[in-house]
């Protein structure tokens, strides 16, 4: 009789992939003590040590852990496939979705409502976070389909671009910035202005950092007066004169059209990035999940290789 559980294997794989008991606990919505207890129980059942821990609390797989890891991954994948094989395609099946801020706020509401009209029996479980947090949830298996604005782990996840997004510099609609707009100033020329930035770990922040590196603009010259994790708050702060900000054009369309904010293209070519649907490389999809992914392709009018 087996002396260990699937839950222990799931926690083992999550710790191995995140190299951290703390991050694994966050991804699985468990306490760190619960994660540690499960790992200790698995090590006891197998009579071997699976992780090495150093003084800085860094966690790495032992030689035995490295041998166990691919087998544990196969077992968990087979269990997910078994669930899919016996599932009735017409039963209610929660779609486990994750979304970073921009797709979560400005794309998914219409997408999910449209899919519900096609499949009124469908149910969603949607988890929100920045791009980095959604990646952690995907790797841990807590969500099965993620919508993100950055490709942070191409070795373990598959990304399909579903929509092209522009990033623009937004400013208050004041005479000072109106004059700059008339003069043909670009957003890159405003990078030295007081700035309200997105939080580190967001797809927008990663795209802006990469853009500044390409242009040779030192990060130290960026005058960040605040970092905020909500674009709605950032837009309000910018409109009230707290600073400029680089945001998704999707997020600021109404404010720009209504005259509360001005939007500047970052440069003559424009700063563009993709919104991606991300899944794990080894994922096996249930019928409803495959149908949802096909709907995403048609909804945003893009081809995709996700199946």
Protein backbone atom coordinates (compact mmCIF):
# COMPACT_ATOMS: atom_id res chain seq x y z
CA UNK A 1 0.00 0.00 0.00
CA UNK A 2 1.29 3.46 -0.92
CA UNK A 3 2.54 5.50 2.00
CA UNK A 4 2.40 8.83 0.19
CA UNK A 5 -0.37 10.85 -1.47
CA UNK A 6 -0.97 12.75 -4.69
CA UNK A 7 -1.15 15.93 -2.62
CA UNK A 8 2.39 15.30 -1.39
CA UNK A 9 3.56 14.78 -4.97
CA UNK A 10 1.82 17.98 -6.09
CA UNK A 11 3.50 19.96 -3.33
CA UNK A 12 6.87 18.32 -4.07
CA UNK A 13 6.64 19.29 -7.76
CA UNK A 14 5.58 22.85 -6.91
CA UNK A 15 8.48 23.36 -4.46
CA UNK A 16 10.90 21.88 -7.02
CA UNK A 17 9.69 24.24 -9.76
CA UNK A 18 9.61 27.39 -7.62
CA UNK A 19 12.75 26.54 -5.58
CA UNK A 20 11.01 27.85 -2.51
CA UNK A 21 8.75 26.56 0.25
CA UNK A 22 7.38 30.08 0.71
CA UNK A 23 6.49 30.62 -2.96
CA UNK A 24 5.02 27.12 -3.21
CA UNK A 25 2.80 27.84 -0.22
CA UNK A 26 1.57 31.07 -1.86
CA UNK A 27 0.93 29.36 -5.20
CA UNK A 28 -1.01 26.52 -3.59
CA UNK A 29 -2.82 28.74 -1.06
CA UNK A 30 -1.36 26.76 1.84
CA UNK A 31 0.63 27.76 4.90
CA UNK A 32 4.38 27.24 4.77
CA UNK A 33 4.15 24.85 7.72
CA UNK A 34 1.65 22.70 5.80
CA UNK A 35 3.98 22.55 2.80
CA UNK A 36 6.91 21.60 5.04
CA UNK A 37 4.84 18.91 6.77
CA UNK A 38 3.83 17.33 3.45
CA UNK A 39 7.43 17.32 2.19
CA UNK A 40 8.64 15.78 5.46
CA UNK A 41 5.95 13.12 5.18
CA UNK A 42 6.96 12.31 1.60
CA UNK A 43 10.64 12.12 2.55
CA UNK A 44 9.75 9.82 5.43
CA UNK A 45 7.60 7.58 3.22
CA UNK A 46 10.37 7.28 0.63
CA UNK A 47 13.12 7.15 3.25
CA UNK A 48 15.20 9.72 1.40
CA UNK A 49 15.99 13.41 1.45
CA UNK A 50 14.50 15.29 -1.49
CA UNK A 51 15.67 18.88 -0.94
CA UNK A 52 18.81 20.62 0.22
CA UNK A 53 18.42 23.88 2.11
CA UNK A 54 21.19 26.43 2.63
CA UNK A 55 21.57 29.24 5.17
CA UNK A 56 19.75 31.69 2.86
CA UNK A 57 16.71 29.36 2.72
CA UNK A 58 17.40 28.54 -0.92
CA UNK A 59 15.95 25.15 -1.85
CA UNK A 60 17.42 22.77 -4.42
CA UNK A 61 16.69 19.17 -5.34
CA UNK A 62 19.03 16.46 -4.07
CA UNK A 63 20.19 13.75 -6.47
CA UNK A 64 17.29 11.57 -5.29
CA UNK A 65 14.89 14.50 -5.70
CA UNK A 66 16.06 15.03 -9.27
CA UNK A 67 15.33 11.37 -10.04
CA UNK A 68 11.88 11.57 -8.45
CA UNK A 69 10.81 14.83 -10.12
CA UNK A 70 10.07 13.59 -13.69
CA UNK A 71 8.22 10.53 -12.33
CA UNK A 72 6.09 12.74 -10.05
CA UNK A 73 5.30 15.03 -13.00
CA UNK A 74 4.16 12.05 -15.09
CA UNK A 75 1.95 10.74 -12.29
CA UNK A 76 0.23 14.11 -11.84
CA UNK A 77 -0.20 14.55 -15.59
CA UNK A 78 -1.70 11.06 -15.89
CA UNK A 79 -4.13 11.82 -13.09
CA UNK A 80 -5.28 15.00 -14.85
CA UNK A 81 -5.72 13.04 -18.08
CA UNK A 82 -7.71 10.34 -16.25
CA UNK A 83 -10.06 13.02 -14.97
CA UNK A 84 -10.48 14.37 -18.50
CA UNK A 85 -11.22 10.91 -19.96
CA UNK A 86 -14.09 10.16 -17.60
CA UNK A 87 -15.54 13.66 -17.69
CA UNK A 88 -18.93 14.22 -19.28
CA UNK A 89 -18.47 17.11 -21.71
CA UNK A 90 -21.90 18.52 -20.81
CA UNK A 91 -21.36 18.57 -17.06
CA UNK A 92 -20.45 21.80 -15.34
CA UNK A 93 -16.67 22.04 -15.28
CA UNK A 94 -15.00 25.06 -13.72
CA UNK A 95 -12.47 26.60 -16.08
CA UNK A 96 -9.43 27.41 -13.94
CA UNK A 97 -8.24 30.72 -15.36
CA UNK A 98 -5.63 33.25 -14.32
CA UNK A 99 -5.19 36.76 -15.63
CA UNK A 100 -2.72 39.54 -15.08
CA UNK A 101 -4.02 43.07 -14.61
CA UNK A 102 -4.58 44.39 -18.16
CA UNK A 103 -6.23 41.29 -19.67
CA UNK A 104 -8.10 40.67 -16.42
CA UNK A 105 -9.62 44.16 -16.35
CA UNK A 106 -10.02 45.09 -20.00
CA UNK A 107 -10.25 41.89 -22.08
CA UNK A 108 -11.67 39.00 -20.09
CA UNK A 109 -14.99 40.52 -18.97
CA UNK A 110 -16.28 40.64 -22.57
CA UNK A 111 -14.59 37.36 -23.53
CA UNK A 112 -16.03 35.39 -20.60
CA UNK A 113 -19.49 36.87 -21.03
CA UNK A 114 -19.46 35.96 -24.74
CA UNK A 115 -18.39 32.37 -24.04
CA UNK A 116 -21.12 32.02 -21.41
CA UNK A 117 -23.70 32.90 -24.05
CA UNK A 118 -22.41 29.97 -26.10
CA UNK A 119 -21.98 27.61 -23.13
CA UNK A 120 -24.39 28.73 -20.39
CA UNK A 121 -23.48 25.59 -18.39
CA UNK A 122 -19.88 26.78 -18.05
CA UNK A 123 -18.46 28.02 -14.76
CA UNK A 124 -15.25 30.00 -14.19
CA UNK A 125 -12.74 30.23 -11.40
CA UNK A 126 -10.67 33.33 -12.18
CA UNK A 127 -7.58 34.27 -10.19
CA UNK A 128 -5.91 37.65 -10.59
CA UNK A 129 -2.38 38.88 -10.04
CA UNK A 130 0.53 40.39 -11.92
CA UNK A 131 2.22 38.44 -14.73
CA UNK A 132 4.76 36.88 -12.38
CA UNK A 133 2.07 35.63 -9.99
CA UNK A 134 0.01 34.13 -12.82
CA UNK A 135 3.11 32.29 -14.03
CA UNK A 136 3.57 30.81 -10.55
CA UNK A 137 -0.06 29.66 -10.51
CA UNK A 138 0.35 28.06 -13.95
CA UNK A 139 3.51 26.21 -12.96
CA UNK A 140 1.83 24.94 -9.79
CA UNK A 141 -1.25 23.78 -11.71
CA UNK A 142 -3.55 26.07 -9.68
CA UNK A 143 -4.74 27.59 -12.97
CA UNK A 144 -4.66 25.82 -16.31
CA UNK A 145 -5.02 28.74 -18.72
CA UNK A 146 -3.38 32.08 -18.04
CA UNK A 147 -3.69 35.44 -19.79
CA UNK A 148 -0.50 37.49 -19.39
CA UNK A 149 1.41 40.35 -20.95
CA UNK A 150 4.90 38.85 -20.68
CA UNK A 151 6.64 35.60 -21.67
CA UNK A 152 8.55 34.77 -18.49
CA UNK A 153 9.01 30.99 -18.75
CA UNK A 154 9.10 29.71 -22.36
CA UNK A 155 10.92 26.55 -21.24
CA UNK A 156 7.91 25.29 -19.29
CA UNK A 157 4.96 27.20 -20.75
CA UNK A 158 3.51 27.63 -24.23
CA UNK A 159 2.45 31.12 -25.24
CA UNK A 160 0.03 32.05 -27.98
CA UNK A 161 -0.38 35.75 -28.84
CA UNK A 162 -4.09 36.55 -28.88
CA UNK A 163 -4.01 40.34 -29.12
CA UNK A 164 -1.53 43.10 -29.87
CA UNK A 165 -1.48 45.87 -27.30
CA UNK A 166 0.12 49.33 -27.50
CA UNK A 167 1.80 50.97 -24.55
CA UNK A 168 1.51 54.75 -24.48
CA UNK A 169 2.71 57.55 -22.23
CA UNK A 170 -0.25 59.21 -20.52
CA UNK A 171 -0.18 62.66 -18.92
CA UNK A 172 -2.66 65.06 -17.37
CA UNK A 173 -4.54 67.15 -19.92
CA UNK A 174 -2.92 70.45 -18.95
CA UNK A 175 -1.61 73.36 -21.08
CA UNK A 176 1.99 72.20 -20.42
CA UNK A 177 1.40 68.78 -21.96
CA UNK A 178 -1.02 70.11 -24.59
CA UNK A 179 1.84 72.24 -25.90
CA UNK A 180 4.13 69.19 -26.01
CA UNK A 181 1.43 67.29 -27.89
CA UNK A 182 1.20 70.06 -30.48
CA UNK A 183 5.00 70.10 -30.76
CA UNK A 184 5.03 66.41 -31.72
CA UNK A 185 6.80 65.21 -28.58
CA UNK A 186 6.94 61.42 -28.07
CA UNK A 187 6.57 59.46 -24.88
CA UNK A 188 10.27 58.59 -24.84
CA UNK A 189 10.97 62.31 -24.48
CA UNK A 190 8.94 62.34 -21.26
CA UNK A 191 10.73 59.48 -19.50
CA UNK A 192 12.47 61.94 -17.19
CA UNK A 193 9.17 63.39 -15.90
CA UNK A 194 7.84 62.40 -12.46
CA UNK A 195 6.38 58.94 -13.07
CA UNK A 196 3.70 56.75 -11.53
CA UNK A 197 4.83 53.24 -12.47
CA UNK A 198 3.18 49.82 -12.48
CA UNK A 199 4.35 47.33 -9.88
CA UNK A 200 7.48 45.25 -10.48
CA UNK A 201 6.52 41.84 -11.86
CA UNK A 202 3.79 43.21 -14.11
CA UNK A 203 3.98 42.69 -17.86
CA UNK A 204 3.77 46.45 -18.40
CA UNK A 205 6.73 47.14 -16.11
CA UNK A 206 8.79 44.42 -17.84
CA UNK A 207 7.98 45.87 -21.27
CA UNK A 208 8.93 49.41 -20.18
CA UNK A 209 12.20 48.21 -18.63
CA UNK A 210 13.12 46.35 -21.84
CA UNK A 211 12.21 49.43 -23.90
CA UNK A 212 14.47 51.68 -21.83
CA UNK A 213 17.35 49.22 -22.16
CA UNK A 214 16.94 49.19 -25.94
CA UNK A 215 17.02 52.99 -26.03
CA UNK A 216 19.95 53.22 -23.63
CA UNK A 217 17.91 55.16 -21.07
CA UNK A 218 19.37 54.45 -17.59
CA UNK A 219 16.80 53.14 -15.13
CA UNK A 220 18.33 55.42 -12.48
CA UNK A 221 17.10 58.45 -14.44
CA UNK A 222 13.49 57.36 -14.17
CA UNK A 223 11.85 59.61 -11.55
CA UNK A 224 9.40 57.18 -9.98
CA UNK A 225 7.19 58.92 -7.44
CA UNK A 226 4.98 55.86 -6.83
CA UNK A 227 4.50 52.24 -7.85
CA UNK A 228 0.86 51.17 -8.03
CA UNK A 229 -0.67 47.79 -8.88
CA UNK A 230 -3.96 49.11 -10.25
CA UNK A 231 -4.18 50.93 -13.60
CA UNK A 232 -7.42 52.62 -12.53
CA UNK A 233 -5.62 54.24 -9.60
CA UNK A 234 -2.67 55.20 -11.80
CA UNK A 235 -4.99 56.87 -14.32
CA UNK A 236 -6.62 58.90 -11.57
CA UNK A 237 -3.24 59.93 -10.15
CA UNK A 238 -2.00 60.96 -13.61
CA UNK A 239 -5.17 62.95 -14.30
CA UNK A 240 -4.65 64.83 -11.02
CA UNK A 241 -1.05 65.68 -11.89
CA UNK A 242 0.90 63.19 -9.73
CA UNK A 243 3.02 62.16 -12.69
CA UNK A 244 3.08 60.60 -16.13
CA UNK A 245 2.74 56.86 -16.69
CA UNK A 246 3.23 54.24 -19.38
CA UNK A 247 0.01 52.23 -19.63
CA UNK A 248 -1.85 49.98 -22.02
CA UNK A 249 -3.78 51.85 -24.69
CA UNK A 250 -6.63 49.46 -23.90
CA UNK A 251 -6.69 50.71 -20.32
CA UNK A 252 -6.76 54.44 -21.10
CA UNK A 253 -8.99 54.59 -24.17
CA UNK A 254 -12.03 56.04 -22.41
CA UNK A 255 -10.03 58.63 -20.45
CA UNK A 256 -8.22 59.81 -23.57
CA UNK A 257 -11.44 60.00 -25.61
CA UNK A 258 -13.11 61.86 -22.73
CA UNK A 259 -10.27 64.40 -22.44
CA UNK A 260 -9.14 63.48 -18.90
CA UNK A 261 -5.74 62.29 -20.14
CA UNK A 262 -3.42 62.86 -23.07
CA UNK A 263 -1.71 59.89 -24.73
CA UNK A 264 1.69 60.06 -26.46
CA UNK A 265 3.09 57.32 -28.69
CA UNK A 266 6.41 56.22 -27.20
CA UNK A 267 8.28 56.83 -30.47
CA UNK A 268 7.51 57.00 -34.21
CA UNK A 269 7.24 53.18 -34.43
CA UNK A 270 5.13 52.86 -31.29
CA UNK A 271 5.74 50.50 -28.37
CA UNK A 272 3.80 47.29 -28.87
CA UNK A 273 3.54 44.06 -26.92
CA UNK A 274 1.34 40.98 -27.05
CA UNK A 275 -1.25 39.64 -24.67
CA UNK A 276 -0.75 35.86 -24.49
CA UNK A 277 -2.77 32.81 -23.59
CA UNK A 278 -0.31 30.65 -21.64
CA UNK A 279 -0.54 26.96 -20.77
CA UNK A 280 1.89 24.38 -19.43
CA UNK A 281 3.90 22.47 -22.00
CA UNK A 282 2.68 19.09 -20.69
CA UNK A 283 -0.97 20.05 -20.24
CA UNK A 284 -3.77 17.72 -21.41
CA UNK A 285 -7.04 19.59 -21.91
CA UNK A 286 -10.60 18.57 -21.16
CA UNK A 287 -13.12 19.09 -23.94
CA UNK A 288 -14.55 22.27 -22.42
CA UNK A 289 -11.06 23.75 -22.02
CA UNK A 290 -10.23 22.98 -25.66
CA UNK A 291 -13.51 24.55 -26.74
CA UNK A 292 -12.75 27.66 -24.68
CA UNK A 293 -9.28 28.00 -26.23
CA UNK A 294 -10.72 27.65 -29.72
CA UNK A 295 -13.26 30.34 -28.84
CA UNK A 296 -10.43 32.65 -27.69
CA UNK A 297 -8.75 32.27 -31.08
CA UNK A 298 -11.90 33.18 -32.98
CA UNK A 299 -12.92 35.94 -30.54
CA UNK A 300 -9.67 37.85 -30.93
CA UNK A 301 -9.33 36.92 -34.61
CA UNK A 302 -5.94 35.24 -34.37
CA UNK A 303 -4.65 31.82 -35.32
CA UNK A 304 -3.15 29.64 -32.63
CA UNK A 305 -1.48 26.29 -32.10
CA UNK A 306 -3.00 25.67 -28.65
CA UNK A 307 -5.05 22.47 -28.55
